[in-house]
């Protein structure tokens, strides 16, 4: 028996697929919003306690951070279909809040530090809103960007580790701008993957988008601190 695209069976399947995509996207945005709470809490705890991940050895601190982060990634991926996956994701966002301590302390030492943080938050929200909107309404397929963006991030990671020794301000500025661009593209890719049904797990989707937002915020705040910071 042959069916055409107007057959009720196809209409039902399309409706179910659309409902699934909408549910994943809705849950992703809800969990993304929830993840900001432990991030803020982690940042608050870090500021109050002076949290530092091997401050005396930046390179070892970076290696330790990567080890902890990838440990979380592995555990979240293994448990993404359960409530434990959500709990681990929120624990990871708390850890990432702790990792904001040094940057926030530096910015808050400036007389306009609070305004800079709010400006970075607002700028990040605008970038996310714009990229998510484009990903949702655009008919263009952005998935092809993923491979290039991944390669770009590997280059940025290597350059960032090298700059721990080189201490080149120009390189740091260039890397911040590049990261903001790459992470903005990742938001396009990740949101569109959910919209198109390519990603059906909202925990995984939330983790990917959260990392992009986090990196946009931190690099935007770093740039604002450099160019807009005011000392008493």
Protein backbone atom coordinates (compact mmCIF):
# COMPACT_ATOMS: atom_id res chain seq x y z
CA UNK A 1 0.00 0.00 0.00
CA UNK A 2 1.49 3.32 -1.07
CA UNK A 3 1.20 6.52 0.94
CA UNK A 4 1.75 10.07 -0.16
CA UNK A 5 2.89 12.91 2.04
CA UNK A 6 -0.69 13.95 2.67
CA UNK A 7 -1.66 10.65 4.25
CA UNK A 8 -2.84 10.92 7.89
CA UNK A 9 -0.05 8.53 8.95
CA UNK A 10 2.60 10.98 7.81
CA UNK A 11 0.76 13.85 9.40
CA UNK A 12 0.63 11.99 12.73
CA UNK A 13 4.32 11.09 12.58
CA UNK A 14 5.21 14.68 11.75
CA UNK A 15 3.12 15.97 14.64
CA UNK A 16 4.76 13.54 17.07
CA UNK A 17 8.23 14.49 15.86
CA UNK A 18 7.37 18.17 16.19
CA UNK A 19 6.04 17.65 19.70
CA UNK A 20 9.22 15.81 20.69
CA UNK A 21 11.42 18.58 19.32
CA UNK A 22 9.38 21.23 21.12
CA UNK A 23 9.58 19.29 24.38
CA UNK A 24 13.36 18.85 24.14
CA UNK A 25 13.83 22.53 23.29
CA UNK A 26 11.53 23.62 26.14
CA UNK A 27 13.29 21.34 28.64
CA UNK A 28 16.68 22.52 27.41
CA UNK A 29 15.83 26.16 27.97
CA UNK A 30 14.31 25.38 31.39
CA UNK A 31 17.36 23.43 32.54
CA UNK A 32 19.65 26.10 31.09
CA UNK A 33 17.88 28.74 33.17
CA UNK A 34 18.06 26.48 36.25
CA UNK A 35 21.79 25.93 35.72
CA UNK A 36 22.43 29.63 36.27
CA UNK A 37 21.44 29.28 39.94
CA UNK A 38 24.30 26.93 40.97
CA UNK A 39 26.65 28.95 38.76
CA UNK A 40 25.85 32.13 40.67
CA UNK A 41 25.99 30.23 43.96
CA UNK A 42 29.38 28.78 43.05
CA UNK A 43 30.68 32.24 42.15
CA UNK A 44 29.39 33.62 45.46
CA UNK A 45 31.04 30.82 47.44
CA UNK A 46 34.26 31.29 45.48
CA UNK A 47 34.35 35.03 46.22
CA UNK A 48 33.64 34.49 49.90
CA UNK A 49 36.25 31.75 50.33
CA UNK A 50 38.87 33.01 47.88
CA UNK A 51 38.68 29.75 45.94
CA UNK A 52 41.70 29.05 43.76
CA UNK A 53 42.64 26.00 41.73
CA UNK A 54 46.41 25.86 42.23
CA UNK A 55 46.88 29.61 41.80
CA UNK A 56 50.60 29.25 42.34
CA UNK A 57 50.90 27.04 39.26
CA UNK A 58 48.60 28.27 36.45
CA UNK A 59 49.60 25.47 34.07
CA UNK A 60 48.92 22.70 36.60
CA UNK A 61 45.72 24.48 37.56
CA UNK A 62 44.60 24.43 33.92
CA UNK A 63 45.42 20.73 33.61
CA UNK A 64 43.54 19.96 36.85
CA UNK A 65 40.55 22.00 35.63
CA UNK A 66 40.47 20.11 32.33
CA UNK A 67 40.67 16.80 34.17
CA UNK A 68 37.75 17.68 36.45
CA UNK A 69 35.70 19.12 33.58
CA UNK A 70 36.17 16.09 31.33
CA UNK A 71 35.36 13.84 34.28
CA UNK A 72 32.04 15.66 34.60
CA UNK A 73 31.46 15.40 30.84
CA UNK A 74 31.97 11.64 30.94
CA UNK A 75 29.71 11.15 33.96
CA UNK A 76 26.96 13.38 32.55
CA UNK A 77 27.04 11.54 29.21
CA UNK A 78 26.74 8.17 30.97
CA UNK A 79 23.76 9.31 33.07
CA UNK A 80 22.07 11.75 30.69
CA UNK A 81 18.84 9.74 30.57
CA UNK A 82 18.29 9.83 34.33
CA UNK A 83 17.77 12.32 37.13
CA UNK A 84 21.39 11.74 38.14
CA UNK A 85 22.46 13.31 34.85
CA UNK A 86 20.58 16.48 35.74
CA UNK A 87 22.12 16.51 39.23
CA UNK A 88 25.62 16.06 37.81
CA UNK A 89 25.01 18.84 35.30
CA UNK A 90 23.99 21.21 38.09
CA UNK A 91 27.01 20.14 40.15
CA UNK A 92 29.20 20.91 37.14
CA UNK A 93 27.68 24.39 36.79
CA UNK A 94 28.41 25.01 40.49
CA UNK A 95 32.03 24.04 39.84
CA UNK A 96 32.11 26.40 36.86
CA UNK A 97 30.79 29.15 39.12
CA UNK A 98 33.71 28.51 41.46
CA UNK A 99 36.05 28.86 38.50
CA UNK A 100 34.78 32.43 37.97
CA UNK A 101 36.35 33.52 41.28
CA UNK A 102 39.60 34.93 39.97
CA UNK A 103 38.01 36.82 37.06
CA UNK A 104 35.20 38.25 39.20
CA UNK A 105 37.61 39.25 41.95
CA UNK A 106 39.74 41.11 39.44
CA UNK A 107 36.77 42.90 37.88
CA UNK A 108 35.16 43.73 41.22
CA UNK A 109 38.40 45.39 42.33
CA UNK A 110 37.58 48.09 39.77
CA UNK A 111 35.34 50.99 40.72
CA UNK A 112 32.86 50.09 37.95
CA UNK A 113 33.22 46.33 38.36
CA UNK A 114 29.55 45.73 39.08
CA UNK A 115 28.50 47.59 35.93
CA UNK A 116 31.00 45.64 33.86
CA UNK A 117 29.60 42.34 35.11
CA UNK A 118 26.05 43.42 34.29
CA UNK A 119 27.20 44.64 30.86
CA UNK A 120 28.86 41.27 30.17
CA UNK A 121 25.73 39.45 31.33
CA UNK A 122 23.54 41.64 29.13
CA UNK A 123 25.85 41.24 26.13
CA UNK A 124 25.88 37.47 26.58
CA UNK A 125 22.07 37.40 26.76
CA UNK A 126 21.82 39.45 23.56
CA UNK A 127 24.24 37.15 21.72
CA UNK A 128 22.43 34.04 22.92
CA UNK A 129 19.02 35.46 22.02
CA UNK A 130 20.17 36.48 18.55
CA UNK A 131 21.88 33.16 17.78
CA UNK A 132 19.01 31.07 19.16
CA UNK A 133 16.51 33.07 17.10
CA UNK A 134 18.51 32.66 13.91
CA UNK A 135 18.91 28.93 14.59
CA UNK A 136 15.18 28.56 15.10
CA UNK A 137 13.87 30.52 12.11
CA UNK A 138 16.63 30.11 9.52
CA UNK A 139 16.29 27.45 6.83
CA UNK A 140 20.05 27.31 6.39
CA UNK A 141 21.85 24.25 7.72
CA UNK A 142 24.63 25.34 10.12
CA UNK A 143 25.81 21.84 11.02
CA UNK A 144 28.71 22.09 8.56
CA UNK A 145 30.27 24.75 10.77
CA UNK A 146 30.73 22.29 13.61
CA UNK A 147 33.90 20.64 12.29
CA UNK A 148 35.62 23.98 11.69
CA UNK A 149 34.56 25.36 15.06
CA UNK A 150 35.89 22.26 16.82
CA UNK A 151 39.26 22.62 15.10
CA UNK A 152 39.24 26.30 16.00
CA UNK A 153 38.66 25.50 19.68
CA UNK A 154 41.53 23.03 19.70
CA UNK A 155 43.81 25.73 18.32
CA UNK A 156 42.51 28.20 20.92
CA UNK A 157 43.10 25.67 23.72
CA UNK A 158 46.69 25.06 22.67
CA UNK A 159 47.33 28.80 22.24
CA UNK A 160 45.80 29.54 25.65
CA UNK A 161 48.01 26.97 27.39
CA UNK A 162 51.06 28.36 25.57
CA UNK A 163 50.17 31.89 26.61
CA UNK A 164 50.44 30.88 30.27
CA UNK A 165 54.21 31.09 29.67
CA UNK A 166 54.29 33.63 26.85
CA UNK A 167 52.08 36.18 28.65
CA UNK A 168 51.31 38.09 25.43
CA UNK A 169 48.47 40.60 26.01
CA UNK A 170 47.76 40.88 22.27
CA UNK A 171 47.37 37.12 21.98
CA UNK A 172 45.05 37.04 24.98
CA UNK A 173 42.84 39.73 23.43
CA UNK A 174 42.77 37.97 20.07
CA UNK A 175 41.87 34.65 21.69
CA UNK A 176 39.00 36.25 23.64
CA UNK A 177 37.50 37.71 20.46
CA UNK A 178 37.92 34.41 18.60
CA UNK A 179 36.32 32.40 21.42
CA UNK A 180 33.29 34.70 21.48
CA UNK A 181 32.88 34.18 17.73
CA UNK A 182 33.33 30.40 17.91
CA UNK A 183 30.96 29.98 20.85
CA UNK A 184 28.32 32.11 19.14
CA UNK A 185 28.54 29.74 16.16
CA UNK A 186 28.23 26.75 18.49
CA UNK A 187 24.98 28.17 19.87
CA UNK A 188 23.66 28.32 16.29
CA UNK A 189 24.69 24.71 15.70
CA UNK A 190 23.45 23.29 19.02
CA UNK A 191 20.06 25.03 19.06
CA UNK A 192 19.40 24.15 15.41
CA UNK A 193 20.29 20.51 16.12
CA UNK A 194 17.54 20.43 18.75
CA UNK A 195 15.08 22.26 16.49
CA UNK A 196 15.75 19.83 13.63
CA UNK A 197 15.47 16.76 15.83
CA UNK A 198 19.16 15.86 15.67
CA UNK A 199 19.52 16.15 19.46
CA UNK A 200 16.81 14.44 21.51
CA UNK A 201 18.39 14.59 24.98
CA UNK A 202 17.91 17.88 26.77
CA UNK A 203 20.70 17.25 29.30
CA UNK A 204 23.28 16.91 26.54
CA UNK A 205 21.81 19.91 24.71
CA UNK A 206 21.89 22.02 27.87
CA UNK A 207 25.52 21.13 28.61
CA UNK A 208 26.63 22.15 25.11
CA UNK A 209 24.76 25.45 25.13
CA UNK A 210 25.79 26.24 28.72
CA UNK A 211 29.48 25.88 27.84
CA UNK A 212 29.04 28.30 24.93
CA UNK A 213 27.24 30.86 27.09
CA UNK A 214 29.80 30.52 29.89
CA UNK A 215 32.73 31.09 27.54
CA UNK A 216 31.05 34.06 25.86
CA UNK A 217 30.41 35.65 29.26
CA UNK A 218 33.91 35.13 30.64
CA UNK A 219 35.68 36.36 27.51
CA UNK A 220 33.33 39.31 27.10
CA UNK A 221 33.89 40.25 30.75
CA UNK A 222 37.65 39.97 30.28
CA UNK A 223 37.51 42.34 27.31
CA UNK A 224 35.29 44.81 29.17
CA UNK A 225 37.63 44.70 32.15
CA UNK A 226 40.60 45.51 29.94
CA UNK A 227 39.02 48.28 27.87
CA UNK A 228 36.37 49.62 30.24
CA UNK A 229 37.76 49.07 33.70
CA UNK A 230 38.14 52.07 35.97
CA UNK A 231 40.47 52.30 38.94
CA UNK A 232 39.93 54.56 41.93
